[in-house]
Amino acid sequence: MTLLAITALAIVRLRGLLAVTMLAGIYSFLSAGLLTYLDAVDVAMTEAAVGAGITTVLLLLTLALTGTEEAAPSRPRRRIIPLAVVTVTGAALIYATLDMPHFGNPDAPAQVHVAPRYLEQSGAEIGIPNVVTSVLASYRAYDTLGEVMVVFTAAIGVLLLPGVERHRRRPDAGDDDRDSGAS
């Protein structure tokens, strides 16, 4: 957790987009390690593949097309409004968690109602012997589909960037050719 906090603070403080991209990949990798420690290996593998793998590659490809330095703001920014929004949102999230059962509580609704049903009936209902696979592929299929669509949309967006750049440069290149041909 300490390494995650240090990495997050470094991401917030840096201005170089390449360094931020690398630190974001490191943050995802550290999150995967934390999830493995918490015995959520399936989620850890997803985090490592999507967060540290695909997302980092997509961000690096984007930086290769757009540049590695953040543009300087044209006027001074007010930092109090974003800080207030983050503080209020954080306080609301913390307040919302006060009613939640403690981590690992055997009397939690998920442990009493949902988990036993998945363990006992998922094989018969779905026909997949692995409970984790049956939950991810069937019970949470829409959620998994949503995650796949987010990655697909990001990949398509990155692949479209070269077309936008080429489209912008074409009129300038044509003007230069006409000017050099007329001289």
Protein backbone atom coordinates (compact mmCIF):
# COMPACT_ATOMS: atom_id res chain seq x y z
CA MET A 1 0.00 0.00 0.00
CA THR A 2 2.89 2.35 0.75
CA LEU A 3 4.38 1.76 -2.69
CA LEU A 4 0.97 2.40 -4.28
CA ALA A 5 0.66 5.69 -2.38
CA ILE A 6 4.19 6.79 -3.33
CA THR A 7 3.56 5.92 -6.99
CA ALA A 8 0.24 7.79 -6.99
CA LEU A 9 1.87 10.89 -5.50
CA ALA A 10 4.65 10.74 -8.08
CA ILE A 11 2.07 10.49 -10.88
CA VAL A 12 0.27 13.57 -9.58
CA ARG A 13 3.46 15.61 -9.23
CA LEU A 14 5.11 14.84 -12.59
CA ARG A 15 4.49 16.80 -15.80
CA GLY A 16 6.27 14.51 -18.29
CA LEU A 17 3.67 12.31 -19.94
CA LEU A 18 6.12 9.49 -20.65
CA ALA A 19 7.11 9.29 -16.99
CA VAL A 20 3.45 9.40 -15.95
CA THR A 21 2.64 6.59 -18.37
CA MET A 22 5.46 4.44 -17.01
CA LEU A 23 4.42 5.13 -13.42
CA ALA A 24 0.80 4.29 -14.26
CA GLY A 25 1.99 0.91 -15.54
CA ILE A 26 3.99 0.43 -12.34
CA TYR A 27 0.92 1.38 -10.29
CA SER A 28 -1.15 -1.25 -12.12
CA PHE A 29 1.57 -3.85 -11.60
CA LEU A 30 1.72 -3.04 -7.87
CA SER A 31 -2.09 -3.29 -7.72
CA ALA A 32 -1.88 -6.73 -9.31
CA GLY A 33 0.62 -7.75 -6.63
CA LEU A 34 -1.70 -6.47 -3.90
CA LEU A 35 -4.65 -8.36 -5.40
CA THR A 36 -2.55 -11.53 -5.51
CA TYR A 37 -1.70 -11.04 -1.84
CA LEU A 38 -5.44 -10.72 -1.12
CA ASP A 39 -6.05 -14.08 -2.90
CA ALA A 40 -7.89 -12.50 -5.83
CA VAL A 41 -5.63 -14.09 -8.42
CA ASP A 42 -8.17 -13.87 -11.26
CA VAL A 43 -8.60 -10.13 -10.73
CA ALA A 44 -4.82 -9.74 -10.34
CA MET A 45 -4.20 -11.41 -13.70
CA THR A 46 -6.78 -9.14 -15.33
CA GLU A 47 -5.17 -6.07 -13.73
CA ALA A 48 -1.73 -7.14 -14.87
CA ALA A 49 -2.89 -7.86 -18.43
CA VAL A 50 -5.17 -4.87 -18.91
CA GLY A 51 -3.75 -2.28 -16.50
CA ALA A 52 -0.02 -2.89 -16.74
CA GLY A 53 -0.05 -4.46 -20.18
CA ILE A 54 -2.58 -3.27 -22.73
CA THR A 55 -3.24 0.15 -21.21
CA THR A 56 0.45 0.97 -20.96
CA VAL A 57 1.02 -0.08 -24.57
CA LEU A 58 -1.96 2.00 -25.75
CA LEU A 59 -0.73 5.04 -23.82
CA LEU A 60 2.79 4.64 -25.23
CA LEU A 61 1.38 4.41 -28.75
CA THR A 62 -0.66 7.53 -28.11
CA LEU A 63 2.42 9.37 -26.84
CA ALA A 64 4.34 8.30 -29.93
CA LEU A 65 1.69 10.02 -32.03
CA THR A 66 1.03 13.12 -29.92
CA GLY A 67 4.20 14.00 -28.01
CA THR A 68 5.59 13.38 -24.55
CA GLU A 69 5.24 16.79 -22.92
CA GLU A 70 2.11 18.29 -21.46
CA ALA A 71 1.15 21.63 -22.95
CA ALA A 72 1.65 24.60 -20.63
CA PRO A 73 -1.63 26.10 -19.42
CA SER A 74 -2.50 29.37 -21.14
CA ARG A 75 -3.60 30.98 -17.88
CA PRO A 76 -3.12 30.15 -14.21
CA ARG A 77 -5.46 27.41 -13.05
CA ARG A 78 -7.56 27.53 -9.93
CA ARG A 79 -6.75 24.46 -7.88
CA ILE A 80 -9.30 25.00 -5.10
CA ILE A 81 -12.33 23.78 -7.09
CA PRO A 82 -10.86 20.39 -8.09
CA LEU A 83 -9.58 19.97 -4.52
CA ALA A 84 -13.06 20.69 -3.14
CA VAL A 85 -14.69 18.23 -5.56
CA VAL A 86 -12.20 15.49 -4.67
CA THR A 87 -12.60 16.15 -0.94
CA VAL A 88 -16.41 16.05 -1.06
CA THR A 89 -16.41 12.92 -3.24
CA GLY A 90 -13.90 11.20 -0.96
CA ALA A 91 -15.91 12.09 2.14
CA ALA A 92 -19.09 10.75 0.52
CA LEU A 93 -17.36 7.49 -0.40
CA ILE A 94 -15.97 7.06 3.09
CA TYR A 95 -19.39 7.80 4.60
CA ALA A 96 -20.98 5.23 2.26
CA THR A 97 -18.57 2.52 3.43
CA LEU A 98 -19.46 2.92 7.10
CA ASP A 99 -22.53 0.67 6.67
CA MET A 100 -20.61 -2.05 4.87
CA PRO A 101 -19.71 -5.26 6.69
CA HIS A 102 -16.09 -5.64 7.71
CA PHE A 103 -13.69 -7.31 5.27
CA GLY A 104 -13.98 -11.10 5.50
CA ASN A 105 -17.03 -11.01 7.79
CA PRO A 106 -18.68 -14.46 7.50
CA ASP A 107 -22.11 -12.91 8.21
CA ALA A 108 -21.90 -10.50 5.26
CA PRO A 109 -24.75 -10.89 2.72
CA ALA A 110 -22.30 -11.89 -0.01
CA GLN A 111 -21.01 -14.74 2.18
CA VAL A 112 -24.44 -15.85 3.41
CA HIS A 113 -26.56 -15.64 0.27
CA VAL A 114 -24.54 -15.17 -2.92
CA ALA A 115 -21.39 -17.25 -2.41
CA PRO A 116 -23.16 -20.46 -1.30
CA ARG A 117 -25.53 -20.25 -4.28
CA TYR A 118 -22.65 -19.82 -6.72
CA LEU A 119 -20.67 -22.66 -5.13
CA GLU A 120 -23.60 -25.08 -5.01
CA GLN A 121 -25.60 -24.28 -8.14
CA SER A 122 -23.28 -22.71 -10.72
CA GLY A 123 -22.11 -26.07 -12.07
CA ALA A 124 -25.67 -27.23 -12.71
CA GLU A 125 -26.99 -23.87 -13.93
CA ILE A 126 -24.13 -22.93 -16.22
CA GLY A 127 -22.44 -26.24 -16.97
CA ILE A 128 -18.95 -24.93 -16.25
CA PRO A 129 -17.14 -26.79 -13.44
CA ASN A 130 -14.86 -23.86 -12.47
CA VAL A 131 -16.84 -21.47 -10.24
CA VAL A 132 -14.70 -18.42 -11.04
CA THR A 133 -15.10 -18.98 -14.77
CA SER A 134 -18.84 -19.51 -14.45
CA VAL A 135 -19.25 -16.29 -12.47
CA LEU A 136 -17.14 -14.21 -14.87
CA ALA A 137 -18.47 -15.79 -18.08
CA SER A 138 -22.13 -16.04 -17.17
CA TYR A 139 -23.34 -14.30 -14.04
CA ARG A 140 -21.14 -11.25 -14.72
CA ALA A 141 -21.13 -11.54 -18.50
CA TYR A 142 -22.42 -8.00 -19.08
CA ASP A 143 -19.76 -6.59 -16.79
CA THR A 144 -17.05 -8.57 -18.58
CA LEU A 145 -18.46 -7.46 -21.93
CA GLY A 146 -18.32 -3.85 -20.73
CA GLU A 147 -14.67 -4.23 -19.76
CA VAL A 148 -13.85 -5.72 -23.15
CA MET A 149 -15.69 -2.88 -24.90
CA VAL A 150 -13.70 -0.25 -22.96
CA VAL A 151 -10.40 -1.82 -24.04
CA PHE A 152 -11.65 -2.22 -27.62
CA THR A 153 -12.79 1.41 -27.76
CA ALA A 154 -9.44 2.60 -26.43
CA ALA A 155 -7.60 0.52 -29.02
CA ILE A 156 -9.75 1.87 -31.85
CA GLY A 157 -9.20 5.43 -30.59
CA VAL A 158 -5.44 4.97 -30.62
CA LEU A 159 -5.52 3.38 -34.06
CA LEU A 160 -7.54 6.33 -35.41
CA LEU A 161 -5.03 8.91 -34.18
CA PRO A 162 -2.60 8.48 -37.11
CA GLY A 163 -5.50 9.12 -39.52
CA VAL A 164 -6.35 12.37 -37.73
CA GLU A 165 -2.70 13.48 -37.82
CA ARG A 166 -2.37 12.63 -41.51
CA HIS A 167 -5.61 14.44 -42.27
CA ARG A 168 -4.34 17.59 -40.53
CA ARG A 169 -0.98 17.61 -42.30
CA ARG A 170 -2.24 16.96 -45.82
CA PRO A 171 -3.42 20.55 -46.64
CA ASP A 172 -0.16 22.04 -45.30
CA ALA A 173 1.93 19.59 -47.32
CA GLY A 174 -0.08 20.40 -50.46
CA ASP A 175 0.42 24.14 -49.95
CA ASP A 176 4.17 23.68 -49.58
CA ASP A 177 4.31 21.63 -52.80
CA ARG A 178 2.37 24.27 -54.72
CA ASP A 179 4.57 27.07 -53.37
CA SER A 180 7.78 25.26 -54.26
CA GLY A 181 6.47 24.37 -57.72
CA ALA A 182 5.47 27.96 -58.51
CA SER A 183 8.86 29.43 -57.61
